[in-house]
Amino acid sequence: MEASAFEVVLEDEAATRRFGEDLAMAVRPGDVLALQGDLGAGKSTLARALIRALADDEALEVPSPTFTLVQSYETRFPVHHFDLYRLGAEDELDELGFEEAIAEGVALVEWPERAGSRLPGTALSVELVHEGEGRRARISGSGEALARVGRSLAMRAFLASAGWGNAQRRHLTGDASARSYETVRLEGEPKRIVMNSPPLVMGPPVRDGKPYAEIAHTSKTISAFVAIDRALREAGICAPEIYAQDLDNGFLLIEHLGSTGVLDDARNPIRERYLAAAELLADMHGRQWPSRIEAAPGVIHEVPPFDREAMLIEVDLLVDWYVPAVTGQPADDSLRARYRQEWNDTLDRIDDFEPTLMQRDYHSPNLIWRAERSGHDRLGVIDFQDALIGPTAYDLASLAMDARATVPRDVEQATVDAYLAARRAAGPFDEAAFLEAYALMAAQRNSKILGIFVRLHRRDGKPGYLKHLPRIRDYLRRALAHPALASLRAFYEEQGFLEEREL
């Protein structure tokens, strides 16, 4: 049975502030926190800590809204702090923009009982009561918001078990999955990263009774990250050191490799860094990698293959999501059958191509530049938990046709050339076969991404991904220019997949 309430003992004001940080890491737009407690119970201290954590600004002025009734803040998302003690009637909430505030951001509501029927049923109650020299907090409610709070409190308990219970928490980033990351700071220690990776929710069956994630071999637990991290570090690759782990709950405390990436301030690729990343790949592709890796005593991660069905289920995202979005109607059975046949014929060409540990998302968001280091150690790699055993060409296509940054054709070519030169220098290498596989894997990956970015918009409410579509179509045109993909290119052109479309 899911929890309907959580209690937290707050020994002092510092603990109350940390509790505010814990709530800040859990809330999302649309959440309402009803703050309750006697005068002096700590409601304002809690609200101030929560708002400052969302703003990542300890010096942010957060006055009490006693006289203004509401104070609004532009943080990671809008936050509105209401104090309804002086509210005369429920309809005065209209003048305060109460419903709009709830719809667009997070609302913290002191004296919530004065909101009456206007307080949504999904609101979480956060009650503070005096207890000895400190306070006790009781959070109650239901649904996904309460589950997020529970997970954030579990994260604090994990940090405490690692000796970092008093650490300051700040949101770092989320990604297209359910994973999220925080930076944590503790006086006298270098800042670290907390990885929050709940077990994968597999979803409904989509083919042969299997869910998409099973067919595509998406990692199910954080054990995959731990195992791949171990393999990379044992090979001398700069991956984060893991200081503490909770495999059951999906928490890791890991090294912060740095904040400098391979893009400049305008988000353009830095040529030198892309070439270095290509040379690191070439070095990795010259090694033998295990397919069974121990993540913890008795916990073995089997690295899955990037097999035919995984490749096909990914490219199907184009007809599942992109085609309906640009045509206004689902792809019919005839189109799907032709599309699947074209891809099967195309993938026949690389059945026996050289395999490696394929990181799957070897691109700018996951590469850290460490200018003070030398050689391959200048690059740190992260976010590799979905690694597979697959074609060496795939990761180079991820890098040189970066989904998150526009790589000019000359930089793409220079990146490929740097990789080829390093492979040739290491020994015999079938360059022609590699370039064919590179074009094919680039076509496969970018077809998948067209579908994923539309899915993120339509299913997950993340329209920001649509801005990347013109870039992905350009990458597809580049990949399909290879003579070996002439039939697939003709089919894409016939169907208008490469045309610029507005969604």
Protein backbone atom coordinates (compact mmCIF):
# COMPACT_ATOMS: atom_id res chain seq x y z
CA MET A 1 0.00 0.00 0.00
CA GLU A 2 1.32 3.45 -0.88
CA ALA A 3 2.15 5.82 1.96
CA SER A 4 -0.38 8.59 2.64
CA ALA A 5 1.82 10.52 5.05
CA PHE A 6 5.45 11.05 6.05
CA GLU A 7 6.87 12.49 9.25
CA VAL A 8 10.23 14.19 9.69
CA VAL A 9 11.87 15.28 12.94
CA LEU A 10 13.48 18.71 12.57
CA GLU A 11 15.93 19.21 15.43
CA ASP A 12 16.70 22.85 14.71
CA GLU A 13 16.32 25.63 12.17
CA ALA A 14 19.08 24.18 9.98
CA ALA A 15 17.11 20.93 9.75
CA THR A 16 14.01 22.92 8.77
CA ARG A 17 15.98 24.58 5.98
CA ARG A 18 17.22 21.20 4.77
CA PHE A 19 13.64 19.95 4.79
CA GLY A 20 12.74 22.94 2.60
CA GLU A 21 15.48 21.86 0.19
CA ASP A 22 14.11 18.31 0.18
CA LEU A 23 10.68 19.63 -0.78
CA ALA A 24 12.22 21.88 -3.45
CA MET A 25 13.85 18.87 -5.09
CA ALA A 26 10.45 17.11 -5.20
CA VAL A 27 7.96 19.75 -6.34
CA ARG A 28 6.85 20.26 -9.94
CA PRO A 29 4.60 22.83 -11.65
CA GLY A 30 1.01 22.24 -10.61
CA ASP A 31 1.88 21.26 -7.03
CA VAL A 32 0.24 23.04 -4.10
CA LEU A 33 1.72 22.82 -0.61
CA ALA A 34 -0.67 23.82 2.17
CA LEU A 35 1.60 25.03 4.98
CA GLN A 36 0.03 24.68 8.40
CA GLY A 37 1.17 25.36 11.94
CA ASP A 38 0.96 27.82 14.81
CA LEU A 39 2.69 31.18 14.74
CA GLY A 40 6.42 30.59 15.07
CA ALA A 41 6.17 26.99 13.94
CA GLY A 42 8.59 27.64 11.07
CA LYS A 43 6.33 27.98 8.03
CA SER A 44 8.17 31.07 6.76
CA THR A 45 11.58 29.49 7.37
CA LEU A 46 10.49 26.43 5.42
CA ALA A 47 9.02 28.45 2.53
CA ARG A 48 12.11 30.67 2.33
CA ALA A 49 14.45 27.65 2.17
CA LEU A 50 12.31 25.99 -0.50
CA ILE A 51 12.22 29.11 -2.69
CA ARG A 52 15.95 29.80 -2.32
CA ALA A 53 16.74 26.20 -3.22
CA LEU A 54 14.64 26.42 -6.39
CA ALA A 55 16.32 29.73 -7.26
CA ASP A 56 19.78 28.37 -6.27
CA ASP A 57 20.33 31.67 -4.48
CA GLU A 58 20.95 31.65 -0.73
CA ALA A 59 20.91 35.47 -0.67
CA LEU A 60 17.53 35.80 -2.40
CA GLU A 61 15.25 38.18 -0.53
CA VAL A 62 12.10 36.27 0.42
CA PRO A 63 9.84 38.61 2.40
CA SER A 64 6.73 37.44 4.16
CA PRO A 65 3.61 37.94 2.00
CA THR A 66 1.52 38.85 5.09
CA PHE A 67 0.52 42.26 3.70
CA THR A 68 0.81 41.66 -0.06
CA LEU A 69 -0.94 38.26 0.30
CA VAL A 70 1.24 36.82 -2.48
CA GLN A 71 4.87 37.02 -3.56
CA SER A 72 5.98 35.46 -6.84
CA TYR A 73 9.43 34.28 -7.88
CA GLU A 74 10.93 33.25 -11.21
CA THR A 75 13.04 30.27 -10.31
CA ARG A 76 13.53 27.01 -12.20
CA PHE A 77 9.78 27.34 -12.65
CA PRO A 78 7.42 29.96 -11.18
CA VAL A 79 6.80 29.79 -7.43
CA HIS A 80 4.01 31.71 -5.72
CA HIS A 81 4.01 32.19 -1.94
CA PHE A 82 0.57 32.99 -0.55
CA ASP A 83 -0.30 34.12 2.98
CA LEU A 84 -4.10 34.12 3.25
CA TYR A 85 -4.38 35.26 6.88
CA ARG A 86 -5.81 38.63 5.82
CA LEU A 87 -8.06 37.21 3.09
CA GLY A 88 -11.62 38.43 3.50
CA ALA A 89 -13.46 36.01 1.21
CA GLU A 90 -12.72 33.17 -1.19
CA ASP A 91 -13.55 35.25 -4.26
CA GLU A 92 -10.64 37.60 -3.40
CA LEU A 93 -8.41 34.78 -4.62
CA ASP A 94 -9.43 35.70 -8.16
CA GLU A 95 -7.72 39.08 -7.76
CA LEU A 96 -4.58 37.30 -6.57
CA GLY A 97 -4.49 35.06 -9.66
CA PHE A 98 -4.71 31.96 -7.47
CA GLU A 99 -5.91 29.53 -10.13
CA GLU A 100 -3.41 30.82 -12.71
CA ALA A 101 -0.59 30.49 -10.17
CA ILE A 102 -1.50 26.88 -9.49
CA ALA A 103 -1.69 26.08 -13.20
CA GLU A 104 1.70 27.55 -14.14
CA GLY A 105 3.91 26.80 -11.19
CA VAL A 106 4.17 25.76 -7.57
CA ALA A 107 2.01 27.40 -4.90
CA LEU A 108 2.97 27.58 -1.21
CA VAL A 109 -0.11 28.50 0.80
CA GLU A 110 -0.01 29.63 4.42
CA TRP A 111 -3.37 29.67 6.21
CA PRO A 112 -4.77 27.36 3.50
CA GLU A 113 -8.09 26.86 5.28
CA ARG A 114 -9.05 30.40 4.22
CA ALA A 115 -8.93 29.27 0.57
CA GLY A 116 -11.92 27.05 1.30
CA SER A 117 -13.17 25.19 -1.74
CA ARG A 118 -10.58 26.86 -3.96
CA LEU A 119 -7.79 24.72 -2.56
CA PRO A 120 -7.40 21.76 -4.95
CA GLY A 121 -7.97 18.28 -3.64
CA THR A 122 -4.50 17.30 -4.85
CA ALA A 123 -2.80 19.76 -2.46
CA LEU A 124 -0.27 18.31 -0.05
CA SER A 125 -0.59 19.26 3.59
CA VAL A 126 2.68 20.20 5.29
CA GLU A 127 2.06 20.64 9.01
CA LEU A 128 4.72 21.89 11.42
CA VAL A 129 4.33 21.42 15.18
CA HIS A 130 6.67 22.27 18.03
CA GLU A 131 8.44 19.30 19.57
CA GLY A 132 10.98 19.91 22.31
CA GLU A 133 13.66 22.28 21.04
CA GLY A 134 12.73 21.58 17.44
CA ARG A 135 9.75 20.69 15.28
CA ARG A 136 8.04 17.74 13.69
CA ALA A 137 6.81 17.95 10.10
CA ARG A 138 3.96 15.83 8.83
CA ILE A 139 3.34 15.66 5.06
CA SER A 140 0.09 14.10 3.98
CA GLY A 141 -1.86 13.75 0.79
CA SER A 142 -1.99 11.30 -2.06
CA GLY A 143 -0.89 10.68 -5.60
CA GLU A 144 2.26 11.29 -7.54
CA ALA A 145 3.26 14.51 -5.73
CA LEU A 146 3.37 12.76 -2.35
CA ALA A 147 5.37 9.92 -3.92
CA ARG A 148 7.93 12.47 -5.16
CA VAL A 149 8.25 13.94 -1.67
CA GLY A 150 8.72 10.46 -0.23
CA ARG A 151 11.48 9.75 -2.72
CA SER A 152 13.21 13.04 -1.93
CA LEU A 153 13.14 12.23 1.78
CA ALA A 154 14.58 8.81 0.98
CA MET A 155 17.34 10.59 -0.93
CA ARG A 156 18.16 12.62 2.20
CA ALA A 157 18.30 9.39 4.22
CA PHE A 158 20.65 7.90 1.61
CA LEU A 159 22.92 10.94 1.89
CA ALA A 160 22.89 10.62 5.66
CA SER A 161 23.98 6.98 5.39
CA ALA A 162 26.93 8.15 3.27
CA GLY A 163 27.92 10.85 5.79
CA TRP A 164 26.38 13.62 3.69
CA GLY A 165 23.12 14.11 5.59
CA ASN A 166 23.79 17.83 6.16
CA ALA A 167 24.65 18.50 2.52
CA GLN A 168 23.03 21.31 0.57
CA ARG A 169 21.01 19.92 -2.36
CA ARG A 170 20.49 21.70 -5.67
CA HIS A 171 18.80 20.49 -8.86
CA LEU A 172 21.31 19.90 -11.66
CA THR A 173 19.42 18.40 -14.55
CA GLY A 174 16.87 15.89 -15.67
CA ASP A 175 16.78 14.03 -18.96
CA ALA A 176 14.24 12.49 -21.27
CA SER A 177 13.84 9.56 -18.87
CA ALA A 178 12.74 9.49 -15.21
CA ARG A 179 16.35 10.02 -14.08
CA SER A 180 17.41 13.26 -12.44
CA TYR A 181 20.61 14.62 -10.97
CA GLU A 182 21.49 16.98 -8.14
CA THR A 183 24.65 18.65 -6.94
CA VAL A 184 25.35 18.28 -3.24
CA ARG A 185 27.74 20.42 -1.22
CA LEU A 186 29.19 19.75 2.21
CA GLU A 187 31.60 22.11 3.92
CA GLY A 188 35.19 21.04 3.45
CA GLU A 189 34.42 18.56 0.66
CA PRO A 190 34.42 18.86 -3.15
CA LYS A 191 30.89 19.02 -4.48
CA ARG A 192 29.43 15.74 -5.67
CA ILE A 193 26.54 14.49 -7.78
CA VAL A 194 23.54 12.50 -6.64
CA MET A 195 21.98 10.34 -9.31
CA ASN A 196 18.30 9.57 -8.80
CA SER A 197 17.32 6.68 -11.04
CA PRO A 198 14.12 4.90 -10.00
CA PRO A 199 13.55 1.42 -11.41
CA LEU A 200 12.25 1.61 -14.94
CA VAL A 201 8.49 1.45 -15.45
CA MET A 202 8.25 -0.92 -18.39
CA GLY A 203 4.98 0.28 -19.91
CA PRO A 204 2.38 -1.66 -21.89
CA PRO A 205 3.19 -4.38 -24.43
CA VAL A 206 3.77 -3.04 -27.93
CA ARG A 207 4.98 -6.09 -29.87
CA ASP A 208 4.97 -9.83 -29.24
CA GLY A 209 3.71 -9.21 -25.70
CA LYS A 210 6.78 -7.16 -24.81
CA PRO A 211 6.99 -3.47 -23.81
CA TYR A 212 9.10 -1.04 -25.83
CA ALA A 213 11.81 -0.75 -23.17
CA GLU A 214 12.37 -4.52 -23.12
CA ILE A 215 12.72 -4.75 -26.91
CA ALA A 216 15.00 -1.68 -27.07
CA HIS A 217 17.07 -2.99 -24.12
CA THR A 218 16.67 0.14 -22.02
CA SER A 219 18.39 -0.30 -18.64
CA LYS A 220 15.93 -1.35 -15.96
CA THR A 221 17.87 -0.42 -12.82
CA ILE A 222 20.79 1.68 -11.70
CA SER A 223 22.93 -1.48 -11.57
CA ALA A 224 23.60 -1.01 -15.29
CA PHE A 225 25.27 2.35 -14.65
CA VAL A 226 27.36 0.92 -11.82
CA ALA A 227 28.53 -1.99 -13.96
CA ILE A 228 29.41 0.06 -17.05
CA ASP A 229 31.11 2.67 -14.86
CA ARG A 230 33.25 -0.05 -13.36
CA ALA A 231 34.24 -1.44 -16.76
CA LEU A 232 35.16 2.01 -18.07
CA ARG A 233 37.21 2.97 -15.03
CA GLU A 234 39.06 -0.37 -15.04
CA ALA A 235 39.98 0.37 -18.66
CA GLY A 236 41.41 3.76 -17.67
CA ILE A 237 38.50 5.78 -19.09
CA CYS A 238 37.47 8.81 -17.06
CA ALA A 239 34.05 7.92 -15.67
CA PRO A 240 32.76 9.14 -12.28
CA GLU A 241 33.96 7.48 -9.11
CA ILE A 242 31.04 6.05 -7.13
CA TYR A 243 31.26 6.91 -3.42
CA ALA A 244 27.99 5.36 -2.22
CA GLN A 245 25.23 3.33 -3.80
CA ASP A 246 21.73 2.08 -3.04
CA LEU A 247 20.90 -0.28 -5.88
CA ASP A 248 17.47 -1.18 -4.55
CA ASN A 249 16.21 2.41 -4.47
CA GLY A 250 18.27 3.72 -7.38
CA PHE A 251 20.51 6.28 -5.63
CA LEU A 252 24.19 6.95 -6.30
CA LEU A 253 26.60 9.48 -4.81
CA ILE A 254 29.22 10.05 -7.48
CA GLU A 255 32.15 12.22 -8.47
CA HIS A 256 31.48 15.62 -10.05
CA LEU A 257 33.75 15.54 -13.10
CA GLY A 258 33.24 19.22 -13.91
CA SER A 259 30.88 21.64 -15.60
CA THR A 260 32.75 22.36 -18.82
CA GLY A 261 31.56 20.56 -21.92
CA VAL A 262 32.50 20.31 -25.59
CA LEU A 263 30.33 23.23 -26.77
CA ASP A 264 31.09 26.94 -26.60
CA ASP A 265 28.83 29.51 -24.92
CA ALA A 266 26.71 29.76 -28.07
CA ARG A 267 26.28 25.96 -28.03
CA ASN A 268 28.48 25.45 -31.07
CA PRO A 269 30.85 22.47 -31.20
CA ILE A 270 34.45 23.21 -30.23
CA ARG A 271 36.41 21.49 -32.98
CA GLU A 272 39.39 20.46 -30.85
CA ARG A 273 37.17 18.80 -28.28
CA TYR A 274 35.11 16.89 -30.84
CA LEU A 275 38.28 15.56 -32.42
CA ALA A 276 39.57 14.51 -29.00
CA ALA A 277 36.27 12.75 -28.32
CA ALA A 278 36.57 10.90 -31.63
CA GLU A 279 40.11 9.79 -30.78
CA LEU A 280 38.95 8.54 -27.38
CA LEU A 281 36.26 6.51 -29.14
CA ALA A 282 38.83 5.02 -31.48
CA ASP A 283 40.92 3.96 -28.50
CA MET A 284 37.89 2.38 -26.83
CA HIS A 285 36.93 0.57 -30.01
CA GLY A 286 40.33 -1.07 -30.16
CA ARG A 287 39.68 -2.82 -26.83
CA GLN A 288 37.85 -5.97 -25.85
CA TRP A 289 34.90 -5.38 -23.53
CA PRO A 290 33.11 -7.86 -21.27
CA SER A 291 29.42 -8.57 -21.75
CA ARG A 292 28.95 -9.68 -18.11
CA ILE A 293 30.01 -7.14 -15.46
CA GLU A 294 29.64 -7.28 -11.69
CA ALA A 295 27.81 -4.23 -10.30
CA ALA A 296 27.93 -5.44 -6.70
CA PRO A 297 28.61 -8.78 -4.98
CA GLY A 298 26.12 -11.18 -6.48
CA VAL A 299 24.70 -8.57 -8.88
CA ILE A 300 25.75 -9.23 -12.48
CA HIS A 301 24.82 -6.92 -15.34
CA GLU A 302 24.47 -8.61 -18.71
CA VAL A 303 25.18 -6.01 -21.40
CA PRO A 304 22.45 -6.57 -24.01
CA PRO A 305 23.10 -6.73 -27.77
CA PHE A 306 21.95 -3.99 -30.14
CA ASP A 307 20.09 -6.61 -32.11
CA ARG A 308 17.80 -6.37 -35.13
CA GLU A 309 14.61 -6.04 -33.09
CA ALA A 310 16.08 -3.25 -30.96
CA MET A 311 17.13 -1.33 -34.06
CA LEU A 312 13.73 -1.79 -35.68
CA ILE A 313 11.64 -0.86 -32.65
CA GLU A 314 13.63 2.36 -32.43
CA VAL A 315 13.20 3.39 -36.07
CA ASP A 316 9.50 2.57 -35.77
CA LEU A 317 9.22 5.67 -33.57
CA LEU A 318 9.32 7.69 -36.78
CA VAL A 319 6.12 6.15 -38.12
CA ASP A 320 4.55 5.88 -34.66
CA TRP A 321 4.98 9.54 -33.72
CA TYR A 322 6.59 11.72 -36.40
CA VAL A 323 4.36 10.67 -39.31
CA PRO A 324 1.06 11.28 -37.46
CA ALA A 325 2.35 14.64 -36.23
CA VAL A 326 3.23 15.97 -39.70
CA THR A 327 0.38 14.36 -41.67
CA GLY A 328 -2.42 14.60 -39.14
CA GLN A 329 -3.25 10.90 -39.36
CA PRO A 330 -1.67 7.61 -38.25
CA ALA A 331 0.63 5.73 -40.60
CA ASP A 332 -1.38 3.05 -42.39
CA ASP A 333 -0.46 -0.64 -42.58
CA SER A 334 0.90 -0.31 -46.12
CA LEU A 335 3.34 2.44 -45.16
CA ARG A 336 4.43 0.53 -42.07
CA ALA A 337 5.06 -2.65 -44.07
CA ARG A 338 7.14 -0.83 -46.71
CA TYR A 339 9.05 1.08 -44.04
CA ARG A 340 9.86 -2.10 -42.13
CA GLN A 341 10.97 -3.89 -45.33
CA GLU A 342 13.27 -1.02 -46.33
CA TRP A 343 14.89 -1.07 -42.93
CA ASN A 344 15.26 -4.83 -42.84
CA ASP A 345 16.96 -4.75 -46.23
CA THR A 346 19.23 -1.93 -45.04
CA LEU A 347 20.20 -3.60 -41.77
CA ASP A 348 21.19 -6.77 -43.65
CA ARG A 349 24.26 -4.81 -44.72
CA ILE A 350 25.80 -4.63 -41.23
CA ASP A 351 24.89 -7.95 -39.68
CA ASP A 352 28.53 -8.89 -39.20
CA PHE A 353 30.03 -5.46 -38.55
CA GLU A 354 32.58 -5.19 -35.73
CA PRO A 355 30.92 -4.93 -32.25
CA THR A 356 32.02 -2.93 -29.23
CA LEU A 357 30.69 -1.51 -25.98
CA MET A 358 28.32 1.02 -27.53
CA GLN A 359 27.54 3.84 -25.10
CA ARG A 360 24.44 4.84 -27.09
CA ASP A 361 24.41 8.56 -26.21
CA TYR A 362 28.01 9.60 -26.76
CA HIS A 363 27.32 13.27 -27.49
CA SER A 364 27.72 16.76 -26.03
CA PRO A 365 25.46 16.51 -22.94
CA ASN A 366 27.44 13.51 -21.75
CA LEU A 367 31.02 14.65 -22.37
CA ILE A 368 32.98 16.67 -19.79
CA TRP A 369 36.07 18.63 -20.86
CA ARG A 370 38.93 18.77 -18.33
CA ALA A 371 41.44 21.19 -19.79
CA GLU A 372 43.93 20.69 -16.95
CA ARG A 373 44.38 17.01 -17.90
CA SER A 374 46.22 15.53 -20.86
CA GLY A 375 45.53 12.89 -23.48
CA HIS A 376 42.30 10.92 -23.26
CA ASP A 377 41.97 11.95 -19.61
CA ARG A 378 40.82 15.38 -20.83
CA LEU A 379 37.42 13.83 -21.47
CA GLY A 380 35.04 12.52 -18.87
CA VAL A 381 32.06 10.41 -19.93
CA ILE A 382 28.70 10.11 -18.19
CA ASP A 383 25.18 8.78 -18.79
CA PHE A 384 26.14 5.40 -20.23
CA GLN A 385 23.71 3.15 -18.36
CA ASP A 386 21.93 2.13 -21.58
CA ALA A 387 25.12 0.80 -23.17
CA LEU A 388 24.83 -2.19 -25.50
CA ILE A 389 27.11 -4.44 -27.46
CA GLY A 390 26.72 -3.00 -30.95
CA PRO A 391 28.44 -1.52 -34.02
CA THR A 392 31.46 0.69 -33.40
CA ALA A 393 30.06 3.21 -35.89
CA TYR A 394 27.03 4.06 -33.73
CA ASP A 395 28.79 6.17 -31.10
CA LEU A 396 30.74 8.12 -33.70
CA ALA A 397 27.45 8.92 -35.43
CA SER A 398 26.06 10.07 -32.05
CA LEU A 399 28.99 12.44 -31.66
CA ALA A 400 29.49 13.75 -35.17
CA MET A 401 25.73 14.25 -35.74
CA ASP A 402 25.02 15.54 -32.25
CA ALA A 403 21.26 15.63 -31.57
CA ARG A 404 21.60 18.55 -29.14
CA ALA A 405 23.98 20.78 -31.13
CA THR A 406 24.35 21.66 -34.79
CA VAL A 407 27.58 20.14 -36.05
CA PRO A 408 28.64 21.87 -39.31
CA ARG A 409 29.56 19.52 -42.12
CA ASP A 410 33.24 20.44 -41.94
CA VAL A 411 33.38 19.68 -38.20
CA GLU A 412 31.53 16.42 -38.77
CA GLN A 413 34.03 15.44 -41.45
CA ALA A 414 37.00 16.45 -39.28
CA THR A 415 35.58 14.38 -36.40
CA VAL A 416 35.18 11.33 -38.62
CA ASP A 417 38.65 11.85 -40.09
CA ALA A 418 40.21 12.03 -36.61
CA TYR A 419 38.55 8.74 -35.69
CA LEU A 420 39.66 7.04 -38.92
CA ALA A 421 43.23 8.23 -38.52
CA ALA A 422 43.41 6.85 -34.99
CA ARG A 423 41.94 3.50 -36.05
CA ARG A 424 44.36 3.22 -39.00
CA ALA A 425 47.30 4.00 -36.72
CA ALA A 426 46.28 1.20 -34.36
CA GLY A 427 46.32 -1.54 -36.99
CA PRO A 428 44.32 -3.08 -39.86
CA PHE A 429 40.94 -1.41 -40.29
CA ASP A 430 38.24 -1.74 -42.97
CA GLU A 431 37.57 1.94 -43.55
CA ALA A 432 35.03 1.50 -46.36
CA ALA A 433 32.92 -0.91 -44.29
CA PHE A 434 33.09 1.45 -41.33
CA LEU A 435 31.91 4.47 -43.36
CA GLU A 436 28.96 2.48 -44.69
CA ALA A 437 28.05 1.41 -41.15
CA TYR A 438 28.51 5.01 -39.97
CA ALA A 439 25.96 6.28 -42.52
CA LEU A 440 23.56 3.46 -41.68
CA MET A 441 23.79 3.97 -37.92
CA ALA A 442 23.39 7.73 -38.36
CA ALA A 443 20.23 7.12 -40.40
CA GLN A 444 18.91 4.68 -37.81
CA ARG A 445 19.65 6.97 -34.86
CA ASN A 446 18.24 10.13 -36.41
CA SER A 447 15.10 8.35 -37.60
CA LYS A 448 14.58 7.24 -34.01
CA ILE A 449 15.22 10.74 -32.67
CA LEU A 450 12.66 12.35 -34.98
CA GLY A 451 10.08 10.10 -33.37
CA ILE A 452 11.38 10.51 -29.80
CA PHE A 453 11.38 14.31 -29.91
CA VAL A 454 7.79 14.37 -31.19
CA ARG A 455 6.81 11.83 -28.52
CA LEU A 456 8.39 13.98 -25.82
CA HIS A 457 6.23 16.86 -27.04
CA ARG A 458 2.93 15.07 -27.54
CA ARG A 459 2.99 12.44 -24.81
CA ASP A 460 5.19 13.99 -22.15
CA GLY A 461 4.37 17.70 -22.57
CA LYS A 462 7.94 18.79 -23.43
CA PRO A 463 7.60 21.04 -26.51
CA GLY A 464 11.17 22.30 -26.22
CA TYR A 465 12.42 19.25 -28.11
CA LEU A 466 10.66 20.35 -31.32
CA LYS A 467 13.29 23.02 -31.96
CA HIS A 468 15.77 20.23 -32.71
CA LEU A 469 13.76 18.69 -35.58
CA PRO A 470 15.26 20.74 -38.45
CA ARG A 471 18.74 19.70 -37.32
CA ILE A 472 17.75 16.03 -37.16
CA ARG A 473 16.26 16.14 -40.66
CA ASP A 474 19.50 17.69 -41.95
CA TYR A 475 21.51 14.91 -40.31
CA LEU A 476 19.24 12.35 -41.96
CA ARG A 477 19.88 13.91 -45.36
CA ARG A 478 23.63 13.72 -44.73
CA ALA A 479 23.48 10.07 -43.68
CA LEU A 480 21.25 8.98 -46.54
CA ALA A 481 23.63 10.51 -49.09
CA HIS A 482 25.84 7.40 -48.80
CA PRO A 483 25.43 5.28 -51.99
CA ALA A 484 24.72 2.14 -49.94
CA LEU A 485 21.54 3.77 -48.64
CA ALA A 486 20.15 4.82 -52.03
CA SER A 487 17.00 2.71 -51.72
CA LEU A 488 16.23 3.93 -48.21
CA ARG A 489 16.88 7.53 -49.28
CA ALA A 490 14.49 7.19 -52.23
CA PHE A 491 11.80 5.85 -49.92
CA TYR A 492 12.27 8.69 -47.41
CA GLU A 493 12.12 11.26 -50.20
CA GLU A 494 8.99 9.66 -51.67
CA GLN A 495 7.25 9.82 -48.28
CA GLY A 496 8.40 13.38 -47.55
CA PHE A 497 10.21 12.40 -44.35
CA LEU A 498 13.10 14.76 -45.16
CA GLU A 499 10.97 17.80 -45.94
CA GLU A 500 10.86 20.74 -43.56
CA ARG A 501 7.58 20.50 -41.67
CA GLU A 502 5.85 22.62 -39.05
CA LEU A 503 4.25 20.89 -36.09
